[in-house]
């Protein structure tokens, strides 16, 4: 059974930083393309950042230059470093894993990020 466990969310002031972590178990992590999505109240879930099995990254325009996605295969973990946070970054952030071996998608339970003064 594949499980994704996220951590690192919380309340931060505008301009602050947070680092989200997502640890995956039950799958071959190095064969997973990984991504972070977010969903704000009343809005659709959107892709924030993604990283391929080879380390190629992709970002939403709204977070380019502020967020960084990275993976550490030895720890089965993907990170999202979020700097210069804005109130509009407030959302539930979800970790996603796409297994290139079996062609399946997996989701974490989500972690709340609130940017407010």
N, C-alpha and C. Protein backbone atom coordinates (compact mmCIF):
# COMPACT_ATOMS: atom_id res chain seq x y z
N UNK A 1 0.85 -1.19 0.00
CA UNK A 1 0.00 0.00 0.00
C UNK A 1 0.89 1.24 0.00
N UNK A 2 0.63 2.12 -0.95
CA UNK A 2 1.42 3.34 -1.06
C UNK A 2 0.86 4.40 -0.11
N UNK A 3 1.73 5.00 0.65
CA UNK A 3 1.32 6.07 1.57
C UNK A 3 2.22 7.28 1.38
N UNK A 4 1.60 8.45 1.41
CA UNK A 4 2.32 9.72 1.35
C UNK A 4 1.99 10.49 2.62
N UNK A 5 3.00 10.89 3.35
CA UNK A 5 2.80 11.61 4.60
C UNK A 5 3.48 12.97 4.50
N UNK A 6 2.65 14.01 4.58
CA UNK A 6 3.15 15.39 4.47
C UNK A 6 3.34 15.99 5.85
N UNK A 7 4.25 16.93 5.92
CA UNK A 7 4.47 17.68 7.16
C UNK A 7 5.05 19.04 6.81
N UNK A 8 5.02 19.93 7.80
CA UNK A 8 5.67 21.22 7.62
C UNK A 8 4.75 22.40 7.42
N UNK A 9 3.46 22.16 7.32
CA UNK A 9 2.54 23.28 7.17
C UNK A 9 2.39 24.06 8.45
N UNK A 10 1.68 25.18 8.37
CA UNK A 10 1.46 25.99 9.55
C UNK A 10 1.08 27.40 9.21
N UNK A 11 1.16 28.25 10.22
CA UNK A 11 0.83 29.67 10.08
C UNK A 11 2.12 30.46 10.00
N UNK A 12 2.19 31.34 9.01
CA UNK A 12 3.39 32.15 8.83
C UNK A 12 2.97 33.55 8.39
N UNK A 13 3.78 34.53 8.75
CA UNK A 13 3.48 35.90 8.34
C UNK A 13 3.89 36.13 6.89
N UNK A 14 3.26 37.08 6.24
CA UNK A 14 3.69 37.42 4.87
C UNK A 14 5.17 37.73 4.82
N UNK A 15 5.83 37.21 3.78
CA UNK A 15 7.27 37.36 3.66
C UNK A 15 8.06 36.25 4.30
N UNK A 16 7.39 35.41 5.06
CA UNK A 16 8.07 34.33 5.75
C UNK A 16 8.30 33.11 4.88
N UNK A 17 8.84 32.06 5.51
CA UNK A 17 9.18 30.84 4.79
C UNK A 17 8.65 29.61 5.53
N UNK A 18 8.40 28.59 4.75
CA UNK A 18 8.05 27.27 5.27
C UNK A 18 8.67 26.22 4.37
N UNK A 19 8.95 25.05 4.93
CA UNK A 19 9.37 23.93 4.11
C UNK A 19 8.45 22.75 4.35
N UNK A 20 7.82 22.30 3.28
CA UNK A 20 6.97 21.12 3.34
C UNK A 20 7.79 19.89 2.98
N UNK A 21 7.44 18.79 3.63
CA UNK A 21 8.08 17.51 3.33
C UNK A 21 7.00 16.47 3.03
N UNK A 22 7.33 15.54 2.19
CA UNK A 22 6.41 14.44 1.86
C UNK A 22 7.24 13.17 1.75
N UNK A 23 6.97 12.24 2.62
CA UNK A 23 7.69 10.97 2.62
C UNK A 23 6.78 9.87 2.09
N UNK A 24 7.31 9.09 1.16
CA UNK A 24 6.52 8.07 0.48
C UNK A 24 6.97 6.68 0.93
N UNK A 25 6.02 5.83 1.17
CA UNK A 25 6.33 4.44 1.49
C UNK A 25 5.48 3.53 0.62
N UNK A 26 5.97 2.32 0.40
CA UNK A 26 5.20 1.35 -0.35
C UNK A 26 5.37 1.41 -1.85
N UNK A 27 6.31 2.25 -2.33
CA UNK A 27 6.56 2.30 -3.76
C UNK A 27 8.04 2.53 -4.01
N UNK A 28 8.44 2.36 -5.25
CA UNK A 28 9.83 2.61 -5.63
C UNK A 28 9.96 4.11 -5.87
N UNK A 29 10.45 4.82 -4.86
CA UNK A 29 10.40 6.27 -4.89
C UNK A 29 11.11 6.85 -6.11
N UNK A 30 12.25 6.30 -6.45
CA UNK A 30 13.02 6.89 -7.55
C UNK A 30 12.29 6.78 -8.89
N UNK A 31 11.28 5.93 -8.95
CA UNK A 31 10.49 5.77 -10.17
C UNK A 31 9.24 6.64 -10.14
N UNK A 32 9.08 7.47 -9.10
CA UNK A 32 7.91 8.33 -9.00
C UNK A 32 8.23 9.74 -9.48
N UNK A 33 7.41 10.25 -10.35
CA UNK A 33 7.41 11.70 -10.56
C UNK A 33 6.62 12.30 -9.40
N UNK A 34 7.11 13.37 -8.83
CA UNK A 34 6.50 13.94 -7.63
C UNK A 34 6.01 15.35 -7.90
N UNK A 35 4.95 15.71 -7.18
CA UNK A 35 4.43 17.05 -7.35
C UNK A 35 3.77 17.56 -6.09
N UNK A 36 3.69 18.87 -6.00
CA UNK A 36 2.92 19.54 -4.95
C UNK A 36 1.78 20.30 -5.61
N UNK A 37 0.60 20.12 -5.08
CA UNK A 37 -0.60 20.82 -5.52
C UNK A 37 -1.14 21.60 -4.32
N UNK A 38 -2.01 22.53 -4.62
CA UNK A 38 -2.69 23.24 -3.53
C UNK A 38 -4.12 23.53 -3.92
N UNK A 39 -4.93 23.67 -2.88
CA UNK A 39 -6.34 24.00 -3.10
C UNK A 39 -6.78 24.99 -2.04
N UNK A 40 -7.15 26.16 -2.51
CA UNK A 40 -7.68 27.20 -1.63
C UNK A 40 -9.20 27.07 -1.56
N UNK A 41 -9.83 27.60 -0.51
CA UNK A 41 -11.29 27.50 -0.38
C UNK A 41 -11.99 28.07 -1.60
N UNK A 42 -12.89 27.29 -2.16
CA UNK A 42 -13.68 27.75 -3.29
C UNK A 42 -12.97 27.71 -4.62
N UNK A 43 -11.75 27.16 -4.63
CA UNK A 43 -10.98 27.11 -5.87
C UNK A 43 -10.62 25.67 -6.21
N UNK A 44 -10.25 25.48 -7.46
CA UNK A 44 -9.83 24.16 -7.91
C UNK A 44 -8.41 23.86 -7.45
N UNK A 45 -8.12 22.59 -7.32
CA UNK A 45 -6.76 22.18 -7.00
C UNK A 45 -5.85 22.53 -8.18
N UNK A 46 -4.68 23.09 -7.86
CA UNK A 46 -3.77 23.49 -8.92
C UNK A 46 -2.36 22.97 -8.65
N UNK A 47 -1.65 22.75 -9.73
CA UNK A 47 -0.26 22.32 -9.61
C UNK A 47 0.61 23.50 -9.17
N UNK A 48 1.43 23.27 -8.16
CA UNK A 48 2.35 24.29 -7.68
C UNK A 48 3.75 24.04 -8.24
N UNK A 49 4.22 22.79 -8.10
CA UNK A 49 5.56 22.45 -8.55
C UNK A 49 5.64 20.96 -8.77
N UNK A 50 6.50 20.56 -9.69
CA UNK A 50 6.67 19.14 -9.98
C UNK A 50 8.14 18.85 -10.27
N UNK A 51 8.51 17.59 -10.03
CA UNK A 51 9.88 17.16 -10.32
C UNK A 51 9.83 15.76 -10.88
N UNK A 52 10.54 15.56 -11.99
CA UNK A 52 10.53 14.26 -12.64
C UNK A 52 11.49 13.30 -11.95
N UNK A 53 11.49 12.07 -12.43
CA UNK A 53 12.41 11.09 -11.87
C UNK A 53 13.87 11.47 -12.14
N UNK A 54 14.09 12.29 -13.15
CA UNK A 54 15.45 12.72 -13.49
C UNK A 54 15.81 14.05 -12.85
N UNK A 55 14.87 14.65 -12.13
CA UNK A 55 15.18 15.89 -11.43
C UNK A 55 14.79 17.16 -12.16
N UNK A 56 14.14 17.03 -13.29
CA UNK A 56 13.65 18.21 -14.01
C UNK A 56 12.47 18.80 -13.26
N UNK A 57 12.49 20.12 -13.09
CA UNK A 57 11.44 20.77 -12.29
C UNK A 57 10.55 21.65 -13.15
N UNK A 58 9.36 21.90 -12.62
CA UNK A 58 8.37 22.75 -13.29
C UNK A 58 7.59 23.47 -12.21
N UNK A 59 7.29 24.76 -12.45
CA UNK A 59 6.60 25.57 -11.44
C UNK A 59 5.44 26.33 -12.04
N UNK A 60 4.44 26.56 -11.22
CA UNK A 60 3.38 27.48 -11.60
C UNK A 60 3.97 28.88 -11.67
N UNK A 61 3.46 29.69 -12.59
CA UNK A 61 3.99 31.05 -12.74
C UNK A 61 3.90 31.84 -11.43
N UNK A 62 2.87 31.58 -10.66
CA UNK A 62 2.63 32.36 -9.45
C UNK A 62 3.68 32.11 -8.36
N UNK A 63 4.44 31.02 -8.48
CA UNK A 63 5.41 30.70 -7.43
C UNK A 63 6.86 30.70 -7.93
N UNK A 64 7.05 30.92 -9.21
CA UNK A 64 8.41 30.92 -9.77
C UNK A 64 9.28 31.96 -9.07
N UNK A 65 10.48 31.54 -8.71
CA UNK A 65 11.40 32.43 -8.03
C UNK A 65 11.21 32.48 -6.52
N UNK A 66 10.13 31.90 -6.02
CA UNK A 66 9.86 31.90 -4.58
C UNK A 66 9.87 30.50 -3.99
N UNK A 67 9.39 29.51 -4.75
CA UNK A 67 9.30 28.14 -4.27
C UNK A 67 10.34 27.27 -4.98
N UNK A 68 10.82 26.27 -4.26
CA UNK A 68 11.76 25.31 -4.84
C UNK A 68 11.36 23.90 -4.44
N UNK A 69 11.23 23.04 -5.44
CA UNK A 69 10.95 21.63 -5.19
C UNK A 69 12.25 20.85 -5.33
N UNK A 70 12.42 19.87 -4.45
CA UNK A 70 13.61 19.03 -4.49
C UNK A 70 13.24 17.65 -3.99
N UNK A 71 14.00 16.66 -4.43
CA UNK A 71 13.75 15.30 -3.99
C UNK A 71 15.04 14.70 -3.43
N UNK A 72 14.87 13.84 -2.46
CA UNK A 72 15.98 13.13 -1.85
C UNK A 72 15.63 11.64 -1.90
N UNK A 73 16.09 10.97 -2.94
CA UNK A 73 15.68 9.59 -3.18
C UNK A 73 16.11 8.67 -2.03
N UNK A 74 17.23 8.95 -1.41
CA UNK A 74 17.70 8.10 -0.32
C UNK A 74 16.76 8.11 0.88
N UNK A 75 15.96 9.18 0.98
CA UNK A 75 15.02 9.30 2.10
C UNK A 75 13.57 9.17 1.64
N UNK A 76 13.37 8.83 0.37
CA UNK A 76 12.00 8.69 -0.17
C UNK A 76 11.17 9.95 0.10
N UNK A 77 11.79 11.09 -0.03
CA UNK A 77 11.15 12.34 0.38
C UNK A 77 11.28 13.42 -0.68
N UNK A 78 10.22 14.18 -0.83
CA UNK A 78 10.23 15.37 -1.68
C UNK A 78 9.93 16.57 -0.79
N UNK A 79 10.56 17.68 -1.12
CA UNK A 79 10.41 18.90 -0.32
C UNK A 79 9.85 20.02 -1.18
N UNK A 80 9.23 20.97 -0.51
CA UNK A 80 8.83 22.21 -1.16
C UNK A 80 9.27 23.35 -0.24
N UNK A 81 10.31 24.04 -0.64
CA UNK A 81 10.77 25.20 0.10
C UNK A 81 10.01 26.41 -0.40
N UNK A 82 9.32 27.08 0.50
CA UNK A 82 8.47 28.21 0.13
C UNK A 82 9.00 29.47 0.82
N UNK A 83 9.45 30.41 0.03
CA UNK A 83 9.97 31.67 0.54
C UNK A 83 9.09 32.83 0.08
N UNK A 84 9.25 33.96 0.73
CA UNK A 84 8.50 35.16 0.37
C UNK A 84 7.01 34.87 0.24
N UNK A 85 6.50 34.20 1.23
CA UNK A 85 5.09 33.78 1.18
C UNK A 85 4.14 34.96 1.19
N UNK A 86 3.05 34.77 0.47
CA UNK A 86 2.02 35.80 0.33
C UNK A 86 0.69 35.25 0.86
N UNK A 87 -0.21 36.14 1.24
CA UNK A 87 -1.53 35.65 1.69
C UNK A 87 -2.23 34.77 0.65
N UNK A 88 -2.00 35.05 -0.61
CA UNK A 88 -2.64 34.24 -1.65
C UNK A 88 -2.04 32.84 -1.79
N UNK A 89 -0.98 32.56 -1.05
CA UNK A 89 -0.45 31.20 -1.01
C UNK A 89 -1.20 30.32 0.00
N UNK A 90 -2.09 30.92 0.75
CA UNK A 90 -2.86 30.18 1.73
C UNK A 90 -3.71 29.11 1.04
N UNK A 91 -3.54 27.88 1.47
CA UNK A 91 -4.25 26.75 0.87
C UNK A 91 -3.89 25.47 1.61
N UNK A 92 -4.59 24.41 1.28
CA UNK A 92 -4.15 23.07 1.68
C UNK A 92 -3.22 22.56 0.58
N UNK A 93 -2.05 22.14 0.99
CA UNK A 93 -1.06 21.66 0.05
C UNK A 93 -1.02 20.13 0.07
N UNK A 94 -1.08 19.56 -1.13
CA UNK A 94 -1.13 18.11 -1.27
C UNK A 94 0.10 17.61 -2.02
N UNK A 95 0.64 16.53 -1.54
CA UNK A 95 1.73 15.85 -2.22
C UNK A 95 1.15 14.80 -3.17
N UNK A 96 1.75 14.70 -4.35
CA UNK A 96 1.30 13.73 -5.34
C UNK A 96 2.48 12.92 -5.84
N UNK A 97 2.24 11.63 -6.03
CA UNK A 97 3.25 10.75 -6.60
C UNK A 97 2.64 10.03 -7.79
N UNK A 98 3.34 10.09 -8.90
CA UNK A 98 2.92 9.32 -10.07
C UNK A 98 3.96 8.24 -10.31
N UNK A 99 3.52 7.00 -10.18
CA UNK A 99 4.43 5.89 -10.38
C UNK A 99 4.59 5.61 -11.87
N UNK A 100 5.81 5.78 -12.37
CA UNK A 100 6.07 5.48 -13.78
C UNK A 100 6.17 3.98 -14.02
N UNK A 101 6.21 3.21 -12.94
CA UNK A 101 6.27 1.74 -13.09
C UNK A 101 4.89 1.15 -13.32
N UNK A 102 3.91 1.65 -12.60
CA UNK A 102 2.57 1.05 -12.68
C UNK A 102 1.54 2.03 -13.25
N UNK A 103 1.94 3.28 -13.49
CA UNK A 103 1.02 4.24 -14.09
C UNK A 103 -0.11 4.66 -13.18
N UNK A 104 0.17 4.76 -11.88
CA UNK A 104 -0.87 5.14 -10.93
C UNK A 104 -0.49 6.41 -10.18
N UNK A 105 -1.53 7.14 -9.76
CA UNK A 105 -1.39 8.38 -9.01
C UNK A 105 -1.72 8.14 -7.55
N UNK A 106 -0.97 8.79 -6.67
CA UNK A 106 -1.22 8.67 -5.24
C UNK A 106 -1.17 10.06 -4.63
N UNK A 107 -2.00 10.24 -3.56
CA UNK A 107 -2.10 11.55 -2.92
C UNK A 107 -1.87 11.45 -1.42
N UNK A 108 -1.30 12.51 -0.88
CA UNK A 108 -1.22 12.63 0.56
C UNK A 108 -2.50 13.21 1.11
N UNK A 109 -2.53 13.36 2.43
CA UNK A 109 -3.75 13.82 3.09
C UNK A 109 -3.88 15.34 3.10
N UNK A 110 -2.81 16.02 2.77
CA UNK A 110 -2.83 17.48 2.73
C UNK A 110 -2.32 18.11 4.02
N UNK A 111 -1.71 19.27 3.87
CA UNK A 111 -1.25 20.03 5.02
C UNK A 111 -1.61 21.50 4.81
N UNK A 112 -2.12 22.11 5.85
CA UNK A 112 -2.62 23.49 5.74
C UNK A 112 -1.46 24.47 5.83
N UNK A 113 -1.44 25.41 4.90
CA UNK A 113 -0.51 26.54 4.95
C UNK A 113 -1.34 27.81 5.00
N UNK A 114 -1.12 28.61 6.02
CA UNK A 114 -1.85 29.87 6.18
C UNK A 114 -0.84 31.01 6.29
N UNK A 115 -0.99 31.98 5.40
CA UNK A 115 -0.10 33.14 5.40
C UNK A 115 -0.93 34.34 5.81
N UNK A 116 -0.65 34.84 6.98
CA UNK A 116 -1.47 35.92 7.53
C UNK A 116 -0.69 36.66 8.60
N UNK A 117 -0.97 37.96 8.71
CA UNK A 117 -0.37 38.75 9.76
C UNK A 117 -1.28 38.82 10.98
